[in-house]
């Protein structure tokens, strides 16, 4: 005698819920990603903002594995390298981004920050000016919501403010220049295109 398998109708809502979750994940992973690597770039940006630098390097590298021409992946990788003190690697990535995307203002702004940290202030000033020329929106710097989410009460200096400061200091005789103020310099915000 064969037993007939009965379907329990109580399981239907659970099965439908599971299918909906799977469908949403599929949509999010595939439908939201406009270009190959976008999903990994978003994850990399989250890791970078949270200070999880090794994970950020992995995500940006994964994105570049999917799409070697992904400008934001390369920019994210460059910023991450800069944050962990790998200046040579950061400079190489910034130069590649700028070479392939000469109109990408955040790349110039961030490379300017790297030059600034390396003590190459004239090059930093040139990059800051180029970023400002390409995109005057970059002048605004972080908004109040960005600062609120990171518990930052004072607005960090913008590249316009830093460029004006560098220009004024570089005009002085070398013995009178004050080009580095570590407490202020470390508060300088990295620039990227937010999703």
Protein backbone atom coordinates (compact mmCIF):
# COMPACT_ATOMS: atom_id res chain seq x y z
CA UNK A 1 0.00 0.00 0.00
CA UNK A 2 1.39 3.36 -1.07
CA UNK A 3 1.11 6.36 1.16
CA UNK A 4 -0.01 9.51 -0.48
CA UNK A 5 2.05 12.57 0.42
CA UNK A 6 -0.15 15.34 1.67
CA UNK A 7 0.67 18.97 1.27
CA UNK A 8 0.24 21.00 4.44
CA UNK A 9 -1.49 24.27 3.52
CA UNK A 10 -0.13 25.91 6.66
CA UNK A 11 3.28 25.98 4.98
CA UNK A 12 2.09 28.15 2.06
CA UNK A 13 2.68 31.55 3.76
CA UNK A 14 6.16 30.46 4.82
CA UNK A 15 7.04 29.24 1.34
CA UNK A 16 5.71 32.45 -0.22
CA UNK A 17 7.64 34.54 2.31
CA UNK A 18 10.83 32.64 1.56
CA UNK A 19 10.31 33.08 -2.18
CA UNK A 20 9.69 36.81 -1.67
CA UNK A 21 12.93 37.16 0.29
CA UNK A 22 14.89 35.25 -2.35
CA UNK A 23 13.29 37.39 -5.06
CA UNK A 24 14.16 40.60 -3.23
CA UNK A 25 17.77 39.52 -2.73
CA UNK A 26 18.04 38.58 -6.41
CA UNK A 27 16.53 41.92 -7.44
CA UNK A 28 18.80 43.84 -5.07
CA UNK A 29 21.91 42.01 -6.23
CA UNK A 30 21.16 42.06 -9.95
CA UNK A 31 18.58 44.80 -10.51
CA UNK A 32 20.29 47.52 -8.48
CA UNK A 33 23.71 46.93 -9.98
CA UNK A 34 23.86 49.16 -13.06
CA UNK A 35 27.44 48.28 -13.95
CA UNK A 36 29.38 45.15 -13.02
CA UNK A 37 31.06 45.75 -9.68
CA UNK A 38 28.58 48.34 -8.33
CA UNK A 39 27.42 46.07 -5.52
CA UNK A 40 30.98 45.44 -4.32
CA UNK A 41 31.72 49.18 -4.52
CA UNK A 42 28.73 49.93 -2.28
CA UNK A 43 29.92 47.32 0.21
CA UNK A 44 33.45 48.70 -0.01
CA UNK A 45 32.21 52.22 0.71
CA UNK A 46 30.40 50.98 3.82
CA UNK A 47 33.54 49.16 5.00
CA UNK A 48 35.69 52.23 4.31
CA UNK A 49 33.35 54.53 6.24
CA UNK A 50 33.33 52.07 9.16
CA UNK A 51 37.13 51.92 9.25
CA UNK A 52 37.22 48.26 8.14
CA UNK A 53 40.05 48.89 5.71
CA UNK A 54 41.11 45.33 4.89
CA UNK A 55 37.51 44.41 4.05
CA UNK A 56 37.20 47.60 1.97
CA UNK A 57 40.31 46.66 -0.03
CA UNK A 58 38.76 43.24 -0.68
CA UNK A 59 35.43 44.69 -1.86
CA UNK A 60 37.01 47.29 -4.14
CA UNK A 61 39.39 44.65 -5.52
CA UNK A 62 36.44 42.32 -6.17
CA UNK A 63 34.69 45.12 -8.06
CA UNK A 64 37.81 45.72 -10.16
CA UNK A 65 37.98 41.98 -10.83
CA UNK A 66 34.47 42.20 -12.30
CA UNK A 67 35.07 45.51 -14.07
CA UNK A 68 38.68 46.73 -14.33
CA UNK A 69 37.47 50.13 -15.60
CA UNK A 70 35.18 50.85 -12.63
CA UNK A 71 36.29 54.37 -11.66
CA UNK A 72 34.59 54.41 -8.26
CA UNK A 73 36.11 51.05 -7.31
CA UNK A 74 39.57 52.33 -8.17
CA UNK A 75 38.92 55.61 -6.34
CA UNK A 76 37.67 53.72 -3.28
CA UNK A 77 40.74 51.50 -3.36
CA UNK A 78 43.01 54.56 -3.59
CA UNK A 79 41.30 56.27 -0.65
CA UNK A 80 41.52 53.07 1.40
CA UNK A 81 45.23 52.70 0.66
CA UNK A 82 45.72 56.32 1.68
CA UNK A 83 43.90 55.71 4.96
CA UNK A 84 46.14 52.76 5.85
CA UNK A 85 49.35 54.58 4.93
CA UNK A 86 50.11 52.82 1.65
CA UNK A 87 50.99 56.06 -0.13
CA UNK A 88 52.68 54.56 -3.21
CA UNK A 89 49.74 52.23 -3.90
CA UNK A 90 47.27 55.06 -3.29
CA UNK A 91 49.11 57.37 -5.69
CA UNK A 92 49.21 54.67 -8.36
CA UNK A 93 45.44 54.15 -8.08
CA UNK A 94 44.68 57.90 -8.06
CA UNK A 95 46.82 58.37 -11.16
CA UNK A 96 45.00 55.53 -12.95
CA UNK A 97 41.59 56.97 -12.05
CA UNK A 98 42.59 60.42 -13.31
CA UNK A 99 44.23 59.05 -16.45
CA UNK A 100 41.05 57.15 -17.38
CA UNK A 101 38.53 59.70 -15.99
CA UNK A 102 40.07 63.17 -16.31
CA UNK A 103 36.76 64.87 -15.41
CA UNK A 104 36.28 63.09 -12.05
CA UNK A 105 36.67 65.90 -9.50
CA UNK A 106 36.76 63.70 -6.35
CA UNK A 107 39.85 61.93 -7.73
CA UNK A 108 41.73 65.24 -7.92
CA UNK A 109 40.48 66.31 -4.48
CA UNK A 110 41.60 63.04 -2.87
CA UNK A 111 44.94 62.96 -4.70
CA UNK A 112 45.42 66.53 -3.48
CA UNK A 113 44.88 65.32 0.09
CA UNK A 114 47.49 62.61 -0.47
CA UNK A 115 49.97 65.13 -1.90
CA UNK A 116 49.23 67.38 1.08
CA UNK A 117 49.98 64.56 3.53
CA UNK A 118 53.19 63.77 1.66
CA UNK A 119 54.35 67.39 1.96
CA UNK A 120 54.02 68.10 -1.77
CA UNK A 121 51.91 71.20 -1.18
CA UNK A 122 52.22 72.80 -4.62
CA UNK A 123 50.95 69.61 -6.26
CA UNK A 124 48.18 69.42 -3.66
CA UNK A 125 47.15 72.98 -4.44
CA UNK A 126 47.09 72.25 -8.18
CA UNK A 127 44.85 69.21 -7.62
CA UNK A 128 42.53 71.12 -5.29
CA UNK A 129 42.15 73.87 -7.89
CA UNK A 130 41.45 71.30 -10.63
CA UNK A 131 38.78 69.60 -8.50
CA UNK A 132 37.11 72.96 -7.81
CA UNK A 133 37.26 73.86 -11.51
CA UNK A 134 35.63 70.56 -12.50
CA UNK A 135 32.87 70.50 -9.89
CA UNK A 136 31.90 73.44 -7.72
CA UNK A 137 29.56 71.13 -5.75
CA UNK A 138 32.68 69.64 -4.19
CA UNK A 139 33.14 72.95 -2.38
CA UNK A 140 30.28 72.22 -0.02
CA UNK A 141 32.04 69.43 1.81
CA UNK A 142 30.10 67.14 4.12
CA UNK A 143 26.58 68.16 5.06
CA UNK A 144 25.00 68.18 8.50
CA UNK A 145 23.51 64.68 8.12
CA UNK A 146 26.92 63.17 7.28
CA UNK A 147 28.40 64.91 10.33
CA UNK A 148 25.48 63.90 12.56
CA UNK A 149 25.79 60.22 11.57
CA UNK A 150 29.49 60.31 12.48
CA UNK A 151 29.09 62.42 15.63
CA UNK A 152 31.14 65.30 14.22
CA UNK A 153 29.98 68.65 15.57
CA UNK A 154 32.23 70.98 13.57
CA UNK A 155 32.33 70.98 9.79
CA UNK A 156 35.71 69.67 8.56
CA UNK A 157 37.70 72.02 6.32
CA UNK A 158 36.72 71.94 2.64
CA UNK A 159 39.23 71.71 -0.18
CA UNK A 160 38.44 75.34 -1.05
CA UNK A 161 39.47 76.39 2.46
CA UNK A 162 42.59 74.21 2.32
CA UNK A 163 43.50 75.52 -1.15
CA UNK A 164 43.15 79.13 0.03
CA UNK A 165 45.27 78.37 3.09
CA UNK A 166 47.99 76.66 1.04
CA UNK A 167 48.04 79.47 -1.49
CA UNK A 168 48.47 82.07 1.26
CA UNK A 169 51.19 80.06 3.02
CA UNK A 170 53.10 79.29 -0.19
CA UNK A 171 53.18 83.03 -0.96
CA UNK A 172 55.13 83.65 2.27
CA UNK A 173 58.90 83.29 2.59
CA UNK A 174 59.76 79.65 3.25
CA UNK A 175 60.89 80.28 6.83
CA UNK A 176 57.48 81.76 7.74
CA UNK A 177 55.28 79.04 6.24
CA UNK A 178 53.07 76.80 8.35
CA UNK A 179 51.88 74.09 5.97
CA UNK A 180 51.04 71.30 8.40
CA UNK A 181 48.82 71.35 11.45
CA UNK A 182 48.29 67.65 12.25
CA UNK A 183 45.24 68.18 14.49
CA UNK A 184 43.44 70.02 11.68
CA UNK A 185 44.90 68.08 8.74
CA UNK A 186 43.70 64.69 10.00
CA UNK A 187 40.10 65.97 10.06
CA UNK A 188 40.16 66.58 6.31
CA UNK A 189 37.39 64.56 4.67
CA UNK A 190 37.89 62.25 1.70
CA UNK A 191 35.72 62.89 -1.33
CA UNK A 192 33.76 60.37 -3.34
CA UNK A 193 30.53 60.20 -5.23
CA UNK A 194 27.83 59.01 -2.86
CA UNK A 195 25.19 56.60 -4.11
